[in-house]
C-alpha atoms as a PDB file:
ATOM      1  CA  MET A   1      15.613 -81.182 -43.616  1.00  0.00           C
ATOM      2  CA  GLY A   2      14.478 -79.362 -40.471  1.00  0.00           C
ATOM      3  CA  LEU A   3      12.862 -75.877 -40.297  1.00  0.00           C
ATOM      4  CA  ASN A   4      14.751 -73.038 -38.736  1.00  0.00           C
ATOM      5  CA  LEU A   5      13.619 -72.962 -35.174  1.00  0.00           C
ATOM      6  CA  ARG A   6      14.017 -69.159 -34.741  1.00  0.00           C
ATOM      7  CA  SER A   7      12.131 -68.183 -37.754  1.00  0.00           C
ATOM      8  CA  GLU A   8       9.628 -70.810 -38.579  1.00  0.00           C
ATOM      9  CA  ARG A   9       8.622 -72.773 -35.492  1.00  0.00           C
ATOM     10  CA  ARG A  10       5.074 -74.141 -35.727  1.00  0.00           C
ATOM     11  CA  SER A  11       2.951 -73.464 -32.710  1.00  0.00           C
ATOM     12  CA  ILE A  12       0.936 -75.959 -30.649  1.00  0.00           C
ATOM     13  CA  VAL A  13      -2.788 -76.087 -31.622  1.00  0.00           C
ATOM     14  CA  LEU A  14      -4.606 -75.119 -28.329  1.00  0.00           C
ATOM     15  CA  TRP A  15      -8.118 -75.942 -27.242  1.00  0.00           C
ATOM     16  CA  SER A  16     -10.698 -73.608 -28.600  1.00  0.00           C
ATOM     17  CA  SER A  17     -11.691 -72.463 -25.101  1.00  0.00           C
ATOM     18  CA  ALA A  18     -10.706 -72.565 -21.471  1.00  0.00           C
ATOM     19  CA  ALA A  19     -13.541 -74.931 -20.677  1.00  0.00           C
ATOM     20  CA  ALA A  20     -12.403 -77.461 -23.288  1.00  0.00           C
ATOM     21  CA  ALA A  21      -8.912 -77.456 -21.916  1.00  0.00           C
ATOM     22  CA  VAL A  22     -10.021 -77.884 -18.259  1.00  0.00           C
ATOM     23  CA  LEU A  23     -12.165 -80.817 -19.390  1.00  0.00           C
ATOM     24  CA  ALA A  24      -9.225 -82.385 -21.149  1.00  0.00           C
ATOM     25  CA  LEU A  25      -7.129 -81.974 -18.007  1.00  0.00           C
ATOM     26  CA  SER A  26      -9.913 -83.662 -15.933  1.00  0.00           C
ATOM     27  CA  LEU A  27      -9.945 -86.671 -18.163  1.00  0.00           C
ATOM     28  CA  THR A  28      -6.220 -87.172 -18.350  1.00  0.00           C
ATOM     29  CA  ALA A  29      -4.168 -86.425 -15.440  1.00  0.00           C
ATOM     30  CA  CYS A  30      -4.056 -89.974 -14.146  1.00  0.00           C
ATOM     31  CA  GLY A  31      -5.606 -92.286 -16.667  1.00  0.00           C
ATOM     32  CA  GLY A  32      -8.105 -93.053 -19.474  1.00  0.00           C
ATOM     33  CA  GLY A  33      -9.691 -91.036 -22.103  1.00  0.00           C
ATOM     34  CA  SER A  34     -10.071 -90.714 -25.881  1.00  0.00           C
ATOM     35  CA  PRO A  35      -8.116 -88.974 -28.642  1.00  0.00           C
ATOM     36  CA  SER A  36      -8.736 -85.176 -28.908  1.00  0.00           C
ATOM     37  CA  GLY A  37      -6.964 -84.507 -32.222  1.00  0.00           C
ATOM     38  CA  ASP A  38      -3.402 -83.735 -33.299  1.00  0.00           C
ATOM     39  CA  ALA A  39      -1.199 -80.863 -32.319  1.00  0.00           C
ATOM     40  CA  THR A  40       2.343 -80.217 -33.480  1.00  0.00           C
ATOM     41  CA  ALA A  41       5.372 -78.442 -32.118  1.00  0.00           C
ATOM     42  CA  THR A  42       8.688 -78.526 -33.915  1.00  0.00           C
ATOM     43  CA  GLY A  43      12.252 -77.981 -32.994  1.00  0.00           C
ATOM     44  CA  ALA A  44      14.663 -78.020 -35.971  1.00  0.00           C
ATOM     45  CA  ALA A  45      18.383 -77.593 -36.226  1.00  0.00           C
ATOM     46  CA  ASP A  46      20.853 -75.015 -37.446  1.00  0.00           C
ATOM     47  CA  ASP A  47      23.581 -76.809 -35.447  1.00  0.00           C
ATOM     48  CA  THR A  48      22.678 -80.634 -35.194  1.00  0.00           C
ATOM     49  CA  GLY A  49      26.003 -82.101 -36.286  1.00  0.00           C
ATOM     50  CA  ALA A  50      27.758 -82.301 -39.605  1.00  0.00           C
ATOM     51  CA  SER A  51      24.662 -83.022 -41.680  1.00  0.00           C
ATOM     52  CA  GLY A  52      22.585 -80.230 -40.144  1.00  0.00           C
ATOM     53  CA  GLU A  53      19.586 -82.499 -40.377  1.00  0.00           C
ATOM     54  CA  VAL A  54      17.012 -83.521 -37.790  1.00  0.00           C
ATOM     55  CA  GLN A  55      14.938 -86.606 -37.390  1.00  0.00           C
ATOM     56  CA  LYS A  56      11.221 -86.057 -37.010  1.00  0.00           C
ATOM     57  CA  VAL A  57       9.496 -88.091 -34.212  1.00  0.00           C
ATOM     58  CA  THR A  58       5.943 -88.297 -33.064  1.00  0.00           C
ATOM     59  CA  VAL A  59       5.100 -88.033 -29.339  1.00  0.00           C
ATOM     60  CA  GLY A  60       1.652 -88.698 -27.800  1.00  0.00           C
ATOM     61  CA  VAL A  61       1.035 -86.045 -25.082  1.00  0.00           C
ATOM     62  CA  MET A  62      -1.612 -84.518 -22.902  1.00  0.00           C
ATOM     63  CA  PRO A  63      -2.273 -80.939 -21.852  1.00  0.00           C
ATOM     64  CA  LEU A  64      -0.888 -81.513 -18.352  1.00  0.00           C
ATOM     65  CA  VAL A  65       1.440 -79.539 -15.920  1.00  0.00           C
ATOM     66  CA  ASP A  66       3.778 -82.632 -15.878  1.00  0.00           C
ATOM     67  CA  LEU A  67       4.690 -82.017 -19.617  1.00  0.00           C
ATOM     68  CA  ALA A  68       6.087 -78.497 -19.063  1.00  0.00           C
ATOM     69  CA  PRO A  69       9.680 -79.684 -19.431  1.00  0.00           C
ATOM     70  CA  LEU A  70       9.028 -81.232 -22.862  1.00  0.00           C
ATOM     71  CA  HIS A  71       7.440 -77.997 -24.151  1.00  0.00           C
ATOM     72  CA  LEU A  72      10.285 -76.004 -22.661  1.00  0.00           C
ATOM     73  CA  GLY A  73      12.748 -78.208 -24.358  1.00  0.00           C
ATOM     74  CA  VAL A  74      11.072 -77.441 -27.735  1.00  0.00           C
ATOM     75  CA  ASP A  75      10.917 -73.793 -26.942  1.00  0.00           C
ATOM     76  CA  GLN A  76      14.527 -73.543 -25.827  1.00  0.00           C
ATOM     77  CA  GLY A  77      15.887 -75.604 -28.811  1.00  0.00           C
ATOM     78  CA  ILE A  78      17.074 -78.528 -26.609  1.00  0.00           C
ATOM     79  CA  PHE A  79      15.435 -81.142 -28.759  1.00  0.00           C
ATOM     80  CA  GLU A  80      16.793 -79.306 -31.833  1.00  0.00           C
ATOM     81  CA  LYS A  81      20.278 -79.547 -30.329  1.00  0.00           C
ATOM     82  CA  HIS A  82      19.868 -83.324 -29.996  1.00  0.00           C
ATOM     83  CA  GLY A  83      18.820 -83.633 -33.642  1.00  0.00           C
ATOM     84  CA  LEU A  84      15.081 -84.187 -33.048  1.00  0.00           C
ATOM     85  CA  GLU A  85      12.034 -82.493 -34.385  1.00  0.00           C
ATOM     86  CA  LEU A  86       8.895 -83.254 -32.444  1.00  0.00           C
ATOM     87  CA  GLU A  87       5.402 -83.630 -33.783  1.00  0.00           C
ATOM     88  CA  LEU A  88       3.069 -83.678 -30.737  1.00  0.00           C
ATOM     89  CA  GLN A  89      -0.243 -85.527 -30.916  1.00  0.00           C
ATOM     90  CA  THR A  90      -2.502 -84.480 -28.084  1.00  0.00           C
ATOM     91  CA  ALA A  91      -4.799 -87.040 -26.663  1.00  0.00           C
ATOM     92  CA  GLN A  92      -7.178 -87.059 -23.560  1.00  0.00           C
ATOM     93  CA  GLY A  93      -5.420 -89.911 -21.934  1.00  0.00           C
ATOM     94  CA  GLY A  94      -3.203 -93.021 -21.978  1.00  0.00           C
ATOM     95  CA  ALA A  95      -6.113 -95.090 -23.260  1.00  0.00           C
ATOM     96  CA  ALA A  96      -5.376 -93.419 -26.654  1.00  0.00           C
ATOM     97  CA  ILE A  97      -1.607 -92.951 -26.305  1.00  0.00           C
ATOM     98  CA  ILE A  98      -0.568 -96.362 -25.270  1.00  0.00           C
ATOM     99  CA  PRO A  99      -2.044 -98.094 -28.323  1.00  0.00           C
ATOM    100  CA  ALA A 100      -0.713 -95.317 -30.550  1.00  0.00           C
ATOM    101  CA  VAL A 101       2.797 -96.146 -29.488  1.00  0.00           C
ATOM    102  CA  THR A 102       2.479 -99.896 -29.379  1.00  0.00           C
ATOM    103  CA  SER A 103       0.955 -99.913 -32.892  1.00  0.00           C
ATOM    104  CA  GLY A 104       3.734 -97.605 -34.308  1.00  0.00           C
ATOM    105  CA  GLN A 105       1.461 -94.566 -34.859  1.00  0.00           C
ATOM    106  CA  ALA A 106       3.663 -92.644 -32.383  1.00  0.00           C
ATOM    107  CA  ASP A 107       7.282 -93.132 -31.491  1.00  0.00           C
ATOM    108  CA  PHE A 108       7.035 -92.007 -27.905  1.00  0.00           C
ATOM    109  CA  GLY A 109       4.306 -91.395 -25.456  1.00  0.00           C
ATOM    110  CA  PHE A 110       3.398 -90.006 -21.994  1.00  0.00           C
ATOM    111  CA  SER A 111       1.316 -91.664 -19.371  1.00  0.00           C
ATOM    112  CA  ASN A 112       1.017 -92.400 -15.625  1.00  0.00           C
ATOM    113  CA  PRO A 113       3.239 -95.357 -14.459  1.00  0.00           C
ATOM    114  CA  THR A 114       0.243 -97.476 -13.345  1.00  0.00           C
ATOM    115  CA  SER A 115      -1.268 -97.485 -16.786  1.00  0.00           C
ATOM    116  CA  LEU A 116       1.972 -98.554 -18.242  1.00  0.00           C
ATOM    117  CA  LEU A 117       2.467-101.311 -15.721  1.00  0.00           C
ATOM    118  CA  ILE A 118      -1.099-102.597 -16.481  1.00  0.00           C
ATOM    119  CA  ALA A 119      -0.347-102.559 -20.202  1.00  0.00           C
ATOM    120  CA  ALA A 120       2.989-104.328 -19.813  1.00  0.00           C
ATOM    121  CA  SER A 121       1.384-106.969 -17.552  1.00  0.00           C
ATOM    122  CA  LYS A 122      -1.113-107.680 -20.308  1.00  0.00           C
ATOM    123  CA  GLY A 123       1.794-108.355 -22.794  1.00  0.00           C
ATOM    124  CA  LEU A 124       2.022-105.078 -24.487  1.00  0.00           C
ATOM    125  CA  ASP A 125       5.478-103.994 -25.663  1.00  0.00           C
ATOM    126  CA  ILE A 126       6.101-101.106 -23.232  1.00  0.00           C
ATOM    127  CA  LYS A 127       9.439 -99.605 -22.170  1.00  0.00           C
ATOM    128  CA  VAL A 128       9.683 -96.684 -19.776  1.00  0.00           C
ATOM    129  CA  ILE A 129      12.512 -94.467 -20.923  1.00  0.00           C
ATOM    130  CA  ALA A 130      12.374 -91.161 -19.029  1.00  0.00           C
ATOM    131  CA  PRO A 131      10.494 -89.673 -15.971  1.00  0.00           C
ATOM    132  CA  GLY A 132       7.719 -87.200 -16.174  1.00  0.00           C
ATOM    133  CA  GLY A 133       6.659 -85.409 -12.991  1.00  0.00           C
ATOM    134  CA  SER A 134       7.556 -86.646  -9.447  1.00  0.00           C
ATOM    135  CA  SER A 135       6.456 -85.966  -5.969  1.00  0.00           C
ATOM    136  CA  THR A 136       8.282 -83.206  -4.159  1.00  0.00           C
ATOM    137  CA  GLY A 137       8.170 -85.248  -0.949  1.00  0.00           C
ATOM    138  CA  ASP A 138       6.949 -82.167   1.050  1.00  0.00           C
ATOM    139  CA  GLU A 139       3.307 -81.557   1.989  1.00  0.00           C
ATOM    140  CA  ALA A 140       3.957 -77.796   1.531  1.00  0.00           C
ATOM    141  CA  THR A 141       4.834 -78.160  -2.163  1.00  0.00           C
ATOM    142  CA  ASP A 142       3.461 -81.532  -3.326  1.00  0.00           C
ATOM    143  CA  TYR A 143       0.895 -81.602  -6.189  1.00  0.00           C
ATOM    144  CA  GLY A 144      -1.501 -84.364  -5.425  1.00  0.00           C
ATOM    145  CA  ALA A 145      -3.802 -84.701  -2.344  1.00  0.00           C
ATOM    146  CA  THR A 146      -7.110 -86.169  -1.146  1.00  0.00           C
ATOM    147  CA  VAL A 147      -9.198 -83.268   0.273  1.00  0.00           C
ATOM    148  CA  VAL A 148     -12.327 -82.945   2.358  1.00  0.00           C
ATOM    149  CA  LEU A 149     -14.474 -80.117   3.665  1.00  0.00           C
ATOM    150  CA  PRO A 150     -12.614 -77.761   5.910  1.00  0.00           C
ATOM    151  CA  ASP A 151     -14.893 -78.430   8.946  1.00  0.00           C
ATOM    152  CA  SER A 152     -15.217 -82.239   8.367  1.00  0.00           C
ATOM    153  CA  ASP A 153     -14.262 -84.757  10.975  1.00  0.00           C
ATOM    154  CA  PHE A 154     -11.790 -86.619   8.660  1.00  0.00           C
ATOM    155  CA  GLU A 155      -8.384 -86.434  10.091  1.00  0.00           C
ATOM    156  CA  SER A 156      -6.491 -89.356   8.519  1.00  0.00           C
ATOM    157  CA  ALA A 157      -6.782 -91.899   5.713  1.00  0.00           C
ATOM    158  CA  ALA A 158      -8.460 -94.560   7.747  1.00  0.00           C
ATOM    159  CA  ASP A 159     -11.323 -92.240   8.462  1.00  0.00           C
ATOM    160  CA  LEU A 160     -12.407 -92.733   4.839  1.00  0.00           C
ATOM    161  CA  GLU A 161     -13.704 -96.270   5.613  1.00  0.00           C
ATOM    162  CA  GLY A 162     -17.357 -96.452   4.688  1.00  0.00           C
ATOM    163  CA  HIS A 163     -17.211 -93.224   2.736  1.00  0.00           C
ATOM    164  CA  THR A 164     -17.046 -92.017  -0.914  1.00  0.00           C
ATOM    165  CA  VAL A 165     -13.910 -90.684  -2.606  1.00  0.00           C
ATOM    166  CA  ALA A 166     -13.995 -89.110  -6.048  1.00  0.00           C
ATOM    167  CA  VAL A 167     -11.191 -90.161  -8.467  1.00  0.00           C
ATOM    168  CA  ASN A 168     -10.857 -89.279 -12.120  1.00  0.00           C
ATOM    169  CA  THR A 169     -10.388 -92.923 -13.145  1.00  0.00           C
ATOM    170  CA  LEU A 170     -11.087 -96.206 -11.478  1.00  0.00           C
ATOM    171  CA  ASN A 171      -8.563 -99.081 -11.150  1.00  0.00           C
ATOM    172  CA  ASN A 172      -5.529 -96.937 -11.760  1.00  0.00           C
ATOM    173  CA  ILE A 173      -3.002 -94.747  -9.983  1.00  0.00           C
ATOM    174  CA  SER A 174      -5.710 -92.461  -8.321  1.00  0.00           C
ATOM    175  CA  ASP A 175      -7.694 -95.017  -6.423  1.00  0.00           C
ATOM    176  CA  SER A 176      -4.691 -97.297  -5.774  1.00  0.00           C
ATOM    177  CA  THR A 177      -2.796 -94.499  -4.010  1.00  0.00           C
ATOM    178  CA  VAL A 178      -5.963 -93.730  -1.971  1.00  0.00           C
ATOM    179  CA  LYS A 179      -6.157 -97.491  -0.950  1.00  0.00           C
ATOM    180  CA  GLU A 180      -2.512 -97.520  -0.034  1.00  0.00           C
ATOM    181  CA  ALA A 181      -2.877 -94.533   2.207  1.00  0.00           C
ATOM    182  CA  VAL A 182      -5.924 -96.204   3.927  1.00  0.00           C
ATOM    183  CA  ARG A 183      -3.961 -99.446   4.238  1.00  0.00           C
ATOM    184  CA  GLN A 184      -0.840 -97.770   5.737  1.00  0.00           C
ATOM    185  CA  ASP A 185      -3.158 -95.995   8.302  1.00  0.00           C
ATOM    186  CA  GLY A 186      -4.511 -99.224   9.510  1.00  0.00           C
ATOM    187  CA  GLY A 187      -7.868 -98.999   7.637  1.00  0.00           C
ATOM    188  CA  ASP A 188      -9.572-101.232   5.244  1.00  0.00           C
ATOM    189  CA  PRO A 189      -9.185-100.111   1.705  1.00  0.00           C
ATOM    190  CA  SER A 190     -12.076-102.381   0.496  1.00  0.00           C
ATOM    191  CA  ALA A 191     -14.402-100.356   2.654  1.00  0.00           C
ATOM    192  CA  VAL A 192     -13.868 -97.171   0.664  1.00  0.00           C
ATOM    193  CA  GLU A 193     -16.369 -96.468  -2.073  1.00  0.00           C
ATOM    194  CA  PHE A 194     -14.704 -94.781  -5.216  1.00  0.00           C
ATOM    195  CA  VAL A 195     -16.772 -92.513  -7.562  1.00  0.00           C
ATOM    196  CA  GLU A 196     -15.357 -91.769 -10.964  1.00  0.00           C
ATOM    197  CA  MET A 197     -15.848 -88.035 -12.057  1.00  0.00           C
ATOM    198  CA  PRO A 198     -13.911 -85.364 -13.871  1.00  0.00           C
ATOM    199  CA  PHE A 199     -11.496 -83.277 -11.854  1.00  0.00           C
ATOM    200  CA  PRO A 200     -13.318 -79.975 -12.481  1.00  0.00           C
ATOM    201  CA  ASN A 201     -16.471 -81.394 -10.900  1.00  0.00           C
ATOM    202  CA  MET A 202     -14.782 -82.685  -7.700  1.00  0.00           C
ATOM    203  CA  VAL A 203     -14.520 -79.621  -5.461  1.00  0.00           C
ATOM    204  CA  ALA A 204     -18.260 -78.789  -6.053  1.00  0.00           C
ATOM    205  CA  ALA A 205     -19.093 -82.463  -5.305  1.00  0.00           C
ATOM    206  CA  VAL A 206     -17.348 -82.374  -2.066  1.00  0.00           C
ATOM    207  CA  GLU A 207     -19.050 -79.014  -1.170  1.00  0.00           C
ATOM    208  CA  GLN A 208     -22.504 -80.374  -2.029  1.00  0.00           C
ATOM    209  CA  GLY A 209     -22.018 -83.659  -0.257  1.00  0.00           C
ATOM    210  CA  THR A 210     -22.132 -85.797  -3.379  1.00  0.00           C
ATOM    211  CA  VAL A 211     -18.876 -87.417  -2.243  1.00  0.00           C
ATOM    212  CA  ASP A 212     -17.031 -87.186   1.094  1.00  0.00           C
ATOM    213  CA  ALA A 213     -13.562 -86.647  -0.327  1.00  0.00           C
ATOM    214  CA  ALA A 214     -11.769 -86.131  -3.617  1.00  0.00           C
ATOM    215  CA  PHE A 215      -8.354 -86.766  -4.979  1.00  0.00           C
ATOM    216  CA  LEU A 216      -7.025 -83.610  -6.726  1.00  0.00           C
ATOM    217  CA  VAL A 217      -3.935 -82.899  -8.789  1.00  0.00           C
ATOM    218  CA  GLU A 218      -2.881 -79.594 -10.174  1.00  0.00           C
ATOM    219  CA  PRO A 219      -4.251 -77.113 -11.205  1.00  0.00           C
ATOM    220  CA  PHE A 220      -7.397 -78.428  -9.330  1.00  0.00           C
ATOM    221  CA  LEU A 221      -5.493 -78.893  -6.057  1.00  0.00           C
ATOM    222  CA  THR A 222      -4.799 -75.121  -5.932  1.00  0.00           C
ATOM    223  CA  MET A 223      -8.401 -74.443  -6.877  1.00  0.00           C
ATOM    224  CA  GLY A 224      -9.563 -76.675  -4.049  1.00  0.00           C
ATOM    225  CA  LEU A 225      -7.245 -75.300  -1.534  1.00  0.00           C
ATOM    226  CA  ALA A 226      -8.491 -71.762  -2.524  1.00  0.00           C
ATOM    227  CA  GLU A 227     -11.943 -72.902  -1.491  1.00  0.00           C
ATOM    228  CA  SER A 228     -10.464 -73.952   1.918  1.00  0.00           C
ATOM    229  CA  MET A 229     -10.572 -77.693   1.185  1.00  0.00           C
ATOM    230  CA  LYS A 230      -8.608 -79.614   3.839  1.00  0.00           C
ATOM    231  CA  PRO A 231      -5.946 -82.135   2.722  1.00  0.00           C
ATOM    232  CA  VAL A 232      -6.239 -85.416   4.588  1.00  0.00           C
ATOM    233  CA  PHE A 233      -3.213 -87.033   2.997  1.00  0.00           C
ATOM    234  CA  TRP A 234      -0.812 -86.512   0.018  1.00  0.00           C
ATOM    235  CA  ASN A 235      -1.358 -89.520  -2.324  1.00  0.00           C
ATOM    236  CA  TRP A 236       2.107 -89.606  -4.009  1.00  0.00           C
ATOM    237  CA  MET A 237       3.902 -89.254  -0.654  1.00  0.00           C
ATOM    238  CA  GLU A 238       1.887 -92.190   0.885  1.00  0.00           C
ATOM    239  CA  VAL A 239       3.342 -94.537  -1.694  1.00  0.00           C
ATOM    240  CA  SER A 240       6.896 -93.069  -1.950  1.00  0.00           C
ATOM    241  CA  PRO A 241       8.351 -89.610  -0.891  1.00  0.00           C
ATOM    242  CA  ASP A 242       9.860 -89.255  -4.374  1.00  0.00           C
ATOM    243  CA  LEU A 243       7.085 -91.068  -6.391  1.00  0.00           C
ATOM    244  CA  MET A 244       7.492 -90.802 -10.165  1.00  0.00           C
ATOM    245  CA  ALA A 245       3.822 -90.082 -10.986  1.00  0.00           C
ATOM    246  CA  SER A 246       4.251 -89.935 -14.795  1.00  0.00           C
ATOM    247  CA  ALA A 247       6.678 -91.128 -17.474  1.00  0.00           C
ATOM    248  CA  TYR A 248       7.697 -91.179 -21.121  1.00  0.00           C
ATOM    249  CA  PHE A 249       7.678 -94.554 -22.850  1.00  0.00           C
ATOM    250  CA  THR A 250       8.299 -96.308 -26.253  1.00  0.00           C
ATOM    251  CA  THR A 251       8.321 -99.912 -27.368  1.00  0.00           C
ATOM    252  CA  GLY A 252      11.093-102.371 -26.998  1.00  0.00           C
ATOM    253  CA  ALA A 253      10.962-102.899 -30.746  1.00  0.00           C
ATOM    254  CA  LEU A 254      11.837 -99.238 -31.497  1.00  0.00           C
ATOM    255  CA  ALA A 255      14.567 -99.210 -28.774  1.00  0.00           C
ATOM    256  CA  GLU A 256      16.131-102.273 -30.458  1.00  0.00           C
ATOM    257  CA  GLU A 257      15.677-100.996 -34.017  1.00  0.00           C
ATOM    258  CA  ASP A 258      16.885 -97.442 -33.432  1.00  0.00           C
ATOM    259  CA  PRO A 259      18.753 -97.146 -30.153  1.00  0.00           C
ATOM    260  CA  GLU A 260      20.425 -93.877 -31.124  1.00  0.00           C
ATOM    261  CA  LEU A 261      16.972 -92.219 -31.608  1.00  0.00           C
ATOM    262  CA  VAL A 262      15.746 -93.387 -28.191  1.00  0.00           C
ATOM    263  CA  ALA A 263      19.023 -92.196 -26.585  1.00  0.00           C
ATOM    264  CA  ALA A 264      18.636 -88.780 -28.137  1.00  0.00           C
ATOM    265  CA  PHE A 265      15.082 -88.434 -26.800  1.00  0.00           C
ATOM    266  CA  GLN A 266      16.233 -89.499 -23.376  1.00  0.00           C
ATOM    267  CA  ALA A 267      19.178 -86.961 -23.408  1.00  0.00           C
ATOM    268  CA  ALA A 268      16.885 -84.189 -24.517  1.00  0.00           C
ATOM    269  CA  MET A 269      14.279 -84.937 -21.970  1.00  0.00           C
ATOM    270  CA  ALA A 270      16.943 -85.088 -19.166  1.00  0.00           C
ATOM    271  CA  GLU A 271      18.262 -81.664 -20.225  1.00  0.00           C
ATOM    272  CA  SER A 272      14.784 -80.221 -20.424  1.00  0.00           C
ATOM    273  CA  ALA A 273      13.955 -81.595 -16.978  1.00  0.00           C
ATOM    274  CA  ASP A 274      17.061 -79.925 -15.500  1.00  0.00           C
ATOM    275  CA  TYR A 275      16.013 -76.590 -17.344  1.00  0.00           C
ATOM    276  CA  ALA A 276      12.456 -76.778 -15.892  1.00  0.00           C
ATOM    277  CA  GLU A 277      13.858 -77.373 -12.348  1.00  0.00           C
ATOM    278  CA  SER A 278      16.177 -74.470 -12.503  1.00  0.00           C
ATOM    279  CA  HIS A 279      13.754 -71.999 -14.267  1.00  0.00           C
ATOM    280  CA  PRO A 280      10.404 -72.288 -12.395  1.00  0.00           C
ATOM    281  CA  GLU A 281       9.107 -68.942 -13.786  1.00  0.00           C
ATOM    282  CA  GLU A 282       9.674 -70.111 -17.341  1.00  0.00           C
ATOM    283  CA  THR A 283       8.081 -73.327 -16.512  1.00  0.00           C
ATOM    284  CA  ARG A 284       4.942 -71.550 -15.203  1.00  0.00           C
ATOM    285  CA  SER A 285       4.904 -69.323 -18.359  1.00  0.00           C
ATOM    286  CA  ILE A 286       5.080 -72.239 -20.753  1.00  0.00           C
ATOM    287  CA  LEU A 287       1.814 -73.687 -19.414  1.00  0.00           C
ATOM    288  CA  ASP A 288       0.040 -70.839 -21.214  1.00  0.00           C
ATOM    289  CA  THR A 289       1.188 -72.212 -24.532  1.00  0.00           C
ATOM    290  CA  TYR A 290      -0.413 -75.628 -24.274  1.00  0.00           C
ATOM    291  CA  THR A 291      -3.088 -75.461 -21.656  1.00  0.00           C
ATOM    292  CA  SER A 292      -5.735 -72.902 -20.718  1.00  0.00           C
ATOM    293  CA  ILE A 293      -4.838 -72.716 -17.000  1.00  0.00           C
ATOM    294  CA  PRO A 294      -5.495 -69.135 -16.038  1.00  0.00           C
ATOM    295  CA  PRO A 295      -2.305 -67.123 -15.375  1.00  0.00           C
ATOM    296  CA  GLU A 296      -3.189 -66.360 -11.875  1.00  0.00           C
ATOM    297  CA  THR A 297      -3.631 -70.083 -11.158  1.00  0.00           C
ATOM    298  CA  ALA A 298      -0.295 -70.990 -12.942  1.00  0.00           C
ATOM    299  CA  ALA A 299       1.465 -68.453 -10.728  1.00  0.00           C
ATOM    300  CA  GLU A 300       0.203 -70.239  -7.640  1.00  0.00           C
ATOM    301  CA  LEU A 301      -0.040 -73.893  -8.399  1.00  0.00           C
ATOM    302  CA  ARG A 302       2.332 -76.482  -7.080  1.00  0.00           C
ATOM    303  CA  LEU A 303       4.894 -77.700  -9.647  1.00  0.00           C
ATOM    304  CA  PRO A 304       6.019 -81.295  -9.877  1.00  0.00           C
ATOM    305  CA  ARG A 305       9.633 -82.100  -9.251  1.00  0.00           C
ATOM    306  CA  TRP A 306      11.295 -83.084 -12.490  1.00  0.00           C
ATOM    307  CA  ALA A 307      14.171 -85.582 -12.314  1.00  0.00           C
ATOM    308  CA  ASP A 308      16.493 -86.556 -15.042  1.00  0.00           C
ATOM    309  CA  ASP A 309      16.447 -90.365 -14.455  1.00  0.00           C
ATOM    310  CA  ILE A 310      14.016 -93.151 -13.755  1.00  0.00           C
ATOM    311  CA  ASN A 311      13.170 -93.799 -10.113  1.00  0.00           C
ATOM    312  CA  ALA A 312      13.272 -97.653  -9.959  1.00  0.00           C
ATOM    313  CA  ASP A 313      12.327 -97.848  -6.313  1.00  0.00           C
ATOM    314  CA  SER A 314       9.255 -95.678  -6.956  1.00  0.00           C
ATOM    315  CA  LEU A 315       8.121 -97.964  -9.808  1.00  0.00           C
ATOM    316  CA  GLU A 316       8.695-101.040  -7.538  1.00  0.00           C
ATOM    317  CA  ARG A 317       6.357 -99.574  -4.992  1.00  0.00           C
ATOM    318  CA  LEU A 318       3.711 -98.990  -7.636  1.00  0.00           C
ATOM    319  CA  ILE A 319       4.168-102.550  -8.764  1.00  0.00           C
ATOM    320  CA  GLU A 320       3.704-103.689  -5.145  1.00  0.00           C
ATOM    321  CA  ILE A 321       0.461-101.845  -4.512  1.00  0.00           C
ATOM    322  CA  SER A 322      -0.992-102.447  -8.006  1.00  0.00           C
ATOM    323  CA  THR A 323      -0.454-106.170  -7.509  1.00  0.00           C
ATOM    324  CA  GLU A 324      -2.075-106.134  -4.062  1.00  0.00           C
ATOM    325  CA  ASP A 325      -5.036-104.294  -5.532  1.00  0.00           C
ATOM    326  CA  GLY A 326      -5.335-106.872  -8.308  1.00  0.00           C
ATOM    327  CA  LEU A 327      -4.472-104.502 -11.108  1.00  0.00           C
ATOM    328  CA  LEU A 328      -1.556-106.476 -12.516  1.00  0.00           C
ATOM    329  CA  ASP A 329      -1.518-109.961 -13.919  1.00  0.00           C
ATOM    330  CA  GLY A 330       1.403-111.003 -11.670  1.00  0.00           C
ATOM    331  CA  GLY A 331       5.098-111.545 -12.062  1.00  0.00           C
ATOM    332  CA  LEU A 332       5.901-108.084 -13.271  1.00  0.00           C
ATOM    333  CA  SER A 333       9.298-106.533 -12.382  1.00  0.00           C
ATOM    334  CA  VAL A 334      10.859-103.179 -12.937  1.00  0.00           C
ATOM    335  CA  GLU A 335      13.323-104.708 -15.360  1.00  0.00           C
ATOM    336  CA  ASP A 336      10.398-105.941 -17.511  1.00  0.00           C
ATOM    337  CA  VAL A 337       9.104-102.404 -18.158  1.00  0.00           C
ATOM    338  CA  VAL A 338      12.150-100.082 -18.064  1.00  0.00           C
ATOM    339  CA  LEU A 339      14.786 -99.816 -20.723  1.00  0.00           C
ATOM    340  CA  PRO A 340      18.003-101.124 -19.215  1.00  0.00           C
ATOM    341  CA  ASP A 341      20.026 -97.981 -19.896  1.00  0.00           C
ATOM    342  CA  ALA A 342      17.387 -95.853 -18.233  1.00  0.00           C
ATOM    343  CA  LEU A 343      17.842 -97.537 -14.832  1.00  0.00           C
END
């Protein structure tokens, strides 16, 4: 039986300090990391059908802006309405979440699409079932950019040839989108040197000349812009104007064994995404419950666009550039990695 959401909701276990939360963000926004412990959030039902019962599911998550709709869905009783009680297991990256899902320790997980494509190309049973955050397609509002010093001579992506760019993980969505931007601008992506470092260190590294440029996502992009960092290009938009930069996934085995469960999760996520899109102030406020982003930064940062269905064209573009960069083992298609009813 589920708990009463209004009277007995369990809260998410937060990081013990703002510094720990920012470090977690730095390790996870676009790739690898390690487990950071478990956290739970439950949504239970007073009105979930004739039985009044809910099904408990485990979801591997990260403390990222992209996951605001999921937390809003719990807070607003959307998952409860769809008969689901969520147990959230917080990790520092897809390196922990992907094996947790494929081994059955978690029912669903969250990651960036490139990590999921790489895993699927290596034979892991990965099925993308719902979108996470997507590009807004507008430089004025998008939430991922490669930045340089305000008085630097860098004007376009090709100018990065022969220079260093900080990314949070190598051989993943961060450096592959930088390479694609350089490629589209007529430059040689192989001439760019990538330096792996945590997001919180990047602005200082650019200012000190340790690297020439850095790829930042929120909330670090807002922090960098506040320091007058100059965007050279917007990574997501260089690949696709509506790039799906994160996604939820499960295994094909679970989808076959319990299609109703997967469908309920998809429906709840779609409704939660719509709610987040139409309630931006609530979306900003929910960040305070599962991250330690300062309220003043949350009020200013650029929110992702949250769609309610999978962007197949966006995934196809990521397959193209990941294959060109040698990240995939070849022959992978969108149909191989996306649950058919999610297309």
